Amino acid sequence: MGLSHAKWRVLDKCHKARNLAEYEGHLDVNSQLLRELVSISKEIQALVKALAPIK
């Protein structure tokens, strides 16, 4: 997808935070991390929309 290592680290950190909330009940909302997640998600959405159709 061409995402930088830093963006993959943000996605990984968010995934780990989700797992903590889901499996251990520990929910700590970090507003900066959430903003980064939304931004990266929009970028990924644009990349997926730009893909050629599956034949």
PDB file of N, CA and C in Angstrom:
ATOM      1  N   MET A   1       0.818  -1.199   0.000  1.00  0.00           N
ATOM      2  CA  MET A   1       0.000   0.000   0.000  1.00  0.00           C
ATOM      3  C   MET A   1       0.857   1.255   0.000  1.00  0.00           C
ATOM      4  N   GLY A   2       2.114   1.112   0.323  1.00  0.00           N
ATOM      5  CA  GLY A   2       2.997   2.259   0.288  1.00  0.00           C
ATOM      6  C   GLY A   2       2.948   3.137   1.526  1.00  0.00           C
ATOM      7  N   LEU A   3       2.367   2.653   2.616  1.00  0.00           N
ATOM      8  CA  LEU A   3       2.337   3.439   3.849  1.00  0.00           C
ATOM      9  C   LEU A   3       3.715   3.413   4.512  1.00  0.00           C
ATOM     10  N   SER A   4       4.042   4.491   5.176  1.00  0.00           N
ATOM     11  CA  SER A   4       5.324   4.563   5.873  1.00  0.00           C
ATOM     12  C   SER A   4       5.318   3.642   7.097  1.00  0.00           C
ATOM     13  N   HIS A   5       6.523   3.329   7.559  1.00  0.00           N
ATOM     14  CA  HIS A   5       6.646   2.498   8.765  1.00  0.00           C
ATOM     15  C   HIS A   5       5.973   3.172   9.962  1.00  0.00           C
ATOM     16  N   ALA A   6       6.074   4.493  10.031  1.00  0.00           N
ATOM     17  CA  ALA A   6       5.468   5.225  11.147  1.00  0.00           C
ATOM     18  C   ALA A   6       3.955   5.050  11.166  1.00  0.00           C
ATOM     19  N   LYS A   7       3.334   5.058   9.988  1.00  0.00           N
ATOM     20  CA  LYS A   7       1.875   4.883   9.929  1.00  0.00           C
ATOM     21  C   LYS A   7       1.482   3.462  10.308  1.00  0.00           C
ATOM     22  N   TRP A   8       2.281   2.478   9.905  1.00  0.00           N
ATOM     23  CA  TRP A   8       2.002   1.100  10.307  1.00  0.00           C
ATOM     24  C   TRP A   8       2.138   0.949  11.817  1.00  0.00           C
ATOM     25  N   ARG A   9       3.094   1.672  12.417  1.00  0.00           N
ATOM     26  CA  ARG A   9       3.252   1.612  13.879  1.00  0.00           C
ATOM     27  C   ARG A   9       2.030   2.200  14.582  1.00  0.00           C
ATOM     28  N   VAL A  10       1.475   3.277  14.020  1.00  0.00           N
ATOM     29  CA  VAL A  10       0.257   3.866  14.595  1.00  0.00           C
ATOM     30  C   VAL A  10      -0.886   2.852  14.522  1.00  0.00           C
ATOM     31  N   LEU A  11      -1.037   2.193  13.367  1.00  0.00           N
ATOM     32  CA  LEU A  11      -2.097   1.189  13.228  1.00  0.00           C
ATOM     33  C   LEU A  11      -1.895   0.040  14.204  1.00  0.00           C
ATOM     34  N   ASP A  12      -0.656  -0.382  14.387  1.00  0.00           N
ATOM     35  CA  ASP A  12      -0.359  -1.457  15.328  1.00  0.00           C
ATOM     36  C   ASP A  12      -0.683  -1.032  16.763  1.00  0.00           C
ATOM     37  N   LYS A  13      -0.321   0.189  17.101  1.00  0.00           N
ATOM     38  CA  LYS A  13      -0.599   0.693  18.455  1.00  0.00           C
ATOM     39  C   LYS A  13      -2.111   0.744  18.706  1.00  0.00           C
ATOM     40  N   CYS A  14      -2.863   1.167  17.693  1.00  0.00           N
ATOM     41  CA  CYS A  14      -4.321   1.218  17.824  1.00  0.00           C
ATOM     42  C   CYS A  14      -4.901  -0.187  17.976  1.00  0.00           C
ATOM     43  N   HIS A  15      -4.358  -1.130  17.237  1.00  0.00           N
ATOM     44  CA  HIS A  15      -4.821  -2.511  17.335  1.00  0.00           C
ATOM     45  C   HIS A  15      -4.562  -3.075  18.733  1.00  0.00           C
ATOM     46  N   LYS A  16      -3.393  -2.786  19.276  1.00  0.00           N
ATOM     47  CA  LYS A  16      -3.067  -3.247  20.628  1.00  0.00           C
ATOM     48  C   LYS A  16      -3.985  -2.599  21.664  1.00  0.00           C
ATOM     49  N   ALA A  17      -4.297  -1.311  21.476  1.00  0.00           N
ATOM     50  CA  ALA A  17      -5.194  -0.611  22.399  1.00  0.00           C
ATOM     51  C   ALA A  17      -6.602  -1.207  22.327  1.00  0.00           C
ATOM     52  N   ARG A  18      -7.034  -1.563  21.120  1.00  0.00           N
ATOM     53  CA  ARG A  18      -8.343  -2.183  20.960  1.00  0.00           C
ATOM     54  C   ARG A  18      -8.387  -3.535  21.667  1.00  0.00           C
ATOM     55  N   ASN A  19      -7.315  -4.303  21.519  1.00  0.00           N
ATOM     56  CA  ASN A  19      -7.258  -5.602  22.186  1.00  0.00           C
ATOM     57  C   ASN A  19      -7.306  -5.449  23.704  1.00  0.00           C
ATOM     58  N   LEU A  20      -6.596  -4.469  24.245  1.00  0.00           N
ATOM     59  CA  LEU A  20      -6.639  -4.234  25.692  1.00  0.00           C
ATOM     60  C   LEU A  20      -8.059  -3.902  26.143  1.00  0.00           C
ATOM     61  N   ALA A  21      -8.738  -3.067  25.365  1.00  0.00           N
ATOM     62  CA  ALA A  21     -10.107  -2.685  25.724  1.00  0.00           C
ATOM     63  C   ALA A  21     -11.041  -3.886  25.622  1.00  0.00           C
ATOM     64  N   GLU A  22     -10.897  -4.662  24.562  1.00  0.00           N
ATOM     65  CA  GLU A  22     -11.793  -5.791  24.317  1.00  0.00           C
ATOM     66  C   GLU A  22     -11.575  -6.941  25.285  1.00  0.00           C
ATOM     67  N   TYR A  23     -10.327  -7.317  25.501  1.00  0.00           N
ATOM     68  CA  TYR A  23     -10.045  -8.535  26.255  1.00  0.00           C
ATOM     69  C   TYR A  23      -9.733  -8.314  27.726  1.00  0.00           C
ATOM     70  N   GLU A  24      -9.288  -7.104  28.069  1.00  0.00           N
ATOM     71  CA  GLU A  24      -8.921  -6.860  29.459  1.00  0.00           C
ATOM     72  C   GLU A  24      -9.719  -5.724  30.098  1.00  0.00           C
ATOM     73  N   GLY A  25     -10.594  -5.097  29.324  1.00  0.00           N
ATOM     74  CA  GLY A  25     -11.431  -4.042  29.860  1.00  0.00           C
ATOM     75  C   GLY A  25     -10.702  -2.741  30.154  1.00  0.00           C
ATOM     76  N   HIS A  26      -9.495  -2.604  29.613  1.00  0.00           N
ATOM     77  CA  HIS A  26      -8.706  -1.386  29.856  1.00  0.00           C
ATOM     78  C   HIS A  26      -8.882  -0.444  28.676  1.00  0.00           C
ATOM     79  N   LEU A  27      -9.630   0.643  28.880  1.00  0.00           N
ATOM     80  CA  LEU A  27      -9.890   1.598  27.814  1.00  0.00           C
ATOM     81  C   LEU A  27      -9.272   2.937  28.177  1.00  0.00           C
ATOM     82  N   ASP A  28      -8.285   3.330  27.391  1.00  0.00           N
ATOM     83  CA  ASP A  28      -7.614   4.620  27.587  1.00  0.00           C
ATOM     84  C   ASP A  28      -7.628   5.332  26.244  1.00  0.00           C
ATOM     85  N   VAL A  29      -8.513   6.317  26.082  1.00  0.00           N
ATOM     86  CA  VAL A  29      -8.648   7.022  24.812  1.00  0.00           C
ATOM     87  C   VAL A  29      -7.598   8.119  24.737  1.00  0.00           C
ATOM     88  N   ASN A  30      -6.759   8.029  23.704  1.00  0.00           N
ATOM     89  CA  ASN A  30      -5.721   9.026  23.447  1.00  0.00           C
ATOM     90  C   ASN A  30      -6.187   9.833  22.240  1.00  0.00           C
ATOM     91  N   SER A  31      -6.547  11.094  22.438  1.00  0.00           N
ATOM     92  CA  SER A  31      -7.135  11.891  21.355  1.00  0.00           C
ATOM     93  C   SER A  31      -6.167  12.095  20.188  1.00  0.00           C
ATOM     94  N   GLN A  32      -4.889  12.238  20.464  1.00  0.00           N
ATOM     95  CA  GLN A  32      -3.912  12.405  19.384  1.00  0.00           C
ATOM     96  C   GLN A  32      -3.816  11.130  18.551  1.00  0.00           C
ATOM     97  N   LEU A  33      -3.773   9.989  19.207  1.00  0.00           N
ATOM     98  CA  LEU A  33      -3.715   8.713  18.500  1.00  0.00           C
ATOM     99  C   LEU A  33      -4.985   8.508  17.674  1.00  0.00           C
ATOM    100  N   LEU A  34      -6.115   8.890  18.213  1.00  0.00           N
ATOM    101  CA  LEU A  34      -7.382   8.772  17.487  1.00  0.00           C
ATOM    102  C   LEU A  34      -7.376   9.646  16.239  1.00  0.00           C
ATOM    103  N   ARG A  35      -6.875  10.876  16.344  1.00  0.00           N
ATOM    104  CA  ARG A  35      -6.785  11.762  15.173  1.00  0.00           C
ATOM    105  C   ARG A  35      -5.888  11.146  14.100  1.00  0.00           C
ATOM    106  N   GLU A  36      -4.767  10.569  14.517  1.00  0.00           N
ATOM    107  CA  GLU A  36      -3.859   9.931  13.565  1.00  0.00           C
ATOM    108  C   GLU A  36      -4.521   8.726  12.906  1.00  0.00           C
ATOM    109  N   LEU A  37      -5.261   7.947  13.688  1.00  0.00           N
ATOM    110  CA  LEU A  37      -5.965   6.786  13.145  1.00  0.00           C
ATOM    111  C   LEU A  37      -6.981   7.214  12.092  1.00  0.00           C
ATOM    112  N   VAL A  38      -7.746   8.236  12.362  1.00  0.00           N
ATOM    113  CA  VAL A  38      -8.742   8.721  11.403  1.00  0.00           C
ATOM    114  C   VAL A  38      -8.058   9.193  10.125  1.00  0.00           C
ATOM    115  N   SER A  39      -6.980   9.921  10.270  1.00  0.00           N
ATOM    116  CA  SER A  39      -6.254  10.419   9.107  1.00  0.00           C
ATOM    117  C   SER A  39      -5.697   9.283   8.254  1.00  0.00           C
ATOM    118  N   ILE A  40      -5.077   8.310   8.891  1.00  0.00           N
ATOM    119  CA  ILE A  40      -4.509   7.173   8.163  1.00  0.00           C
ATOM    120  C   ILE A  40      -5.625   6.346   7.533  1.00  0.00           C
ATOM    121  N   SER A  41      -6.737   6.197   8.234  1.00  0.00           N
ATOM    122  CA  SER A  41      -7.870   5.437   7.690  1.00  0.00           C
ATOM    123  C   SER A  41      -8.410   6.089   6.425  1.00  0.00           C
ATOM    124  N   LYS A  42      -8.490   7.406   6.417  1.00  0.00           N
ATOM    125  CA  LYS A  42      -8.943   8.118   5.217  1.00  0.00           C
ATOM    126  C   LYS A  42      -7.958   7.927   4.070  1.00  0.00           C
ATOM    127  N   GLU A  43      -6.673   7.933   4.391  1.00  0.00           N
ATOM    128  CA  GLU A  43      -5.650   7.699   3.372  1.00  0.00           C
ATOM    129  C   GLU A  43      -5.783   6.294   2.780  1.00  0.00           C
ATOM    130  N   ILE A  44      -5.977   5.302   3.640  1.00  0.00           N
ATOM    131  CA  ILE A  44      -6.149   3.930   3.175  1.00  0.00           C
ATOM    132  C   ILE A  44      -7.410   3.811   2.328  1.00  0.00           C
ATOM    133  N   GLN A  45      -8.466   4.459   2.741  1.00  0.00           N
ATOM    134  CA  GLN A  45      -9.708   4.425   1.971  1.00  0.00           C
ATOM    135  C   GLN A  45      -9.483   4.970   0.563  1.00  0.00           C
ATOM    136  N   ALA A  46      -8.759   6.069   0.441  1.00  0.00           N
ATOM    137  CA  ALA A  46      -8.475   6.646  -0.875  1.00  0.00           C
ATOM    138  C   ALA A  46      -7.614   5.698  -1.713  1.00  0.00           C
ATOM    139  N   LEU A  47      -6.648   5.035  -1.084  1.00  0.00           N
ATOM    140  CA  LEU A  47      -5.803   4.083  -1.802  1.00  0.00           C
ATOM    141  C   LEU A  47      -6.618   2.895  -2.316  1.00  0.00           C
ATOM    142  N   VAL A  48      -7.541   2.417  -1.499  1.00  0.00           N
ATOM    143  CA  VAL A  48      -8.381   1.284  -1.909  1.00  0.00           C
ATOM    144  C   VAL A  48      -9.309   1.697  -3.046  1.00  0.00           C
ATOM    145  N   LYS A  49      -9.882   2.879  -2.957  1.00  0.00           N
ATOM    146  CA  LYS A  49     -10.769   3.355  -4.018  1.00  0.00           C
ATOM    147  C   LYS A  49     -10.024   3.504  -5.348  1.00  0.00           C
ATOM    148  N   ALA A  50      -8.734   3.782  -5.287  1.00  0.00           N
ATOM    149  CA  ALA A  50      -7.940   3.984  -6.488  1.00  0.00           C
ATOM    150  C   ALA A  50      -7.483   2.667  -7.120  1.00  0.00           C
ATOM    151  N   LEU A  51      -7.715   1.542  -6.454  1.00  0.00           N
ATOM    152  CA  LEU A  51      -7.302   0.252  -7.004  1.00  0.00           C
ATOM    153  C   LEU A  51      -8.147  -0.095  -8.234  1.00  0.00           C
ATOM    154  N   ALA A  52      -7.539  -0.856  -9.113  1.00  0.00           N
ATOM    155  CA  ALA A  52      -8.262  -1.332 -10.290  1.00  0.00           C
ATOM    156  C   ALA A  52      -9.305  -2.349  -9.845  1.00  0.00           C
ATOM    157  N   PRO A  53     -10.384  -2.456 -10.608  1.00  0.00           N
ATOM    158  CA  PRO A  53     -11.421  -3.442 -10.270  1.00  0.00           C
ATOM    159  C   PRO A  53     -10.872  -4.860 -10.314  1.00  0.00           C
ATOM    160  N   ILE A  54     -11.434  -5.712  -9.492  1.00  0.00           N
ATOM    161  CA  ILE A  54     -11.068  -7.131  -9.475  1.00  0.00           C
ATOM    162  C   ILE A  54     -11.820  -7.815 -10.611  1.00  0.00           C
ATOM    163  N   LYS A  55     -11.083  -8.583 -11.373  1.00  0.00           N
ATOM    164  CA  LYS A  55     -11.729  -9.262 -12.525  1.00  0.00           C
ATOM    165  C   LYS A  55     -12.043 -10.674 -12.191  1.00  0.00           C
TER     166      LYS A  55
END
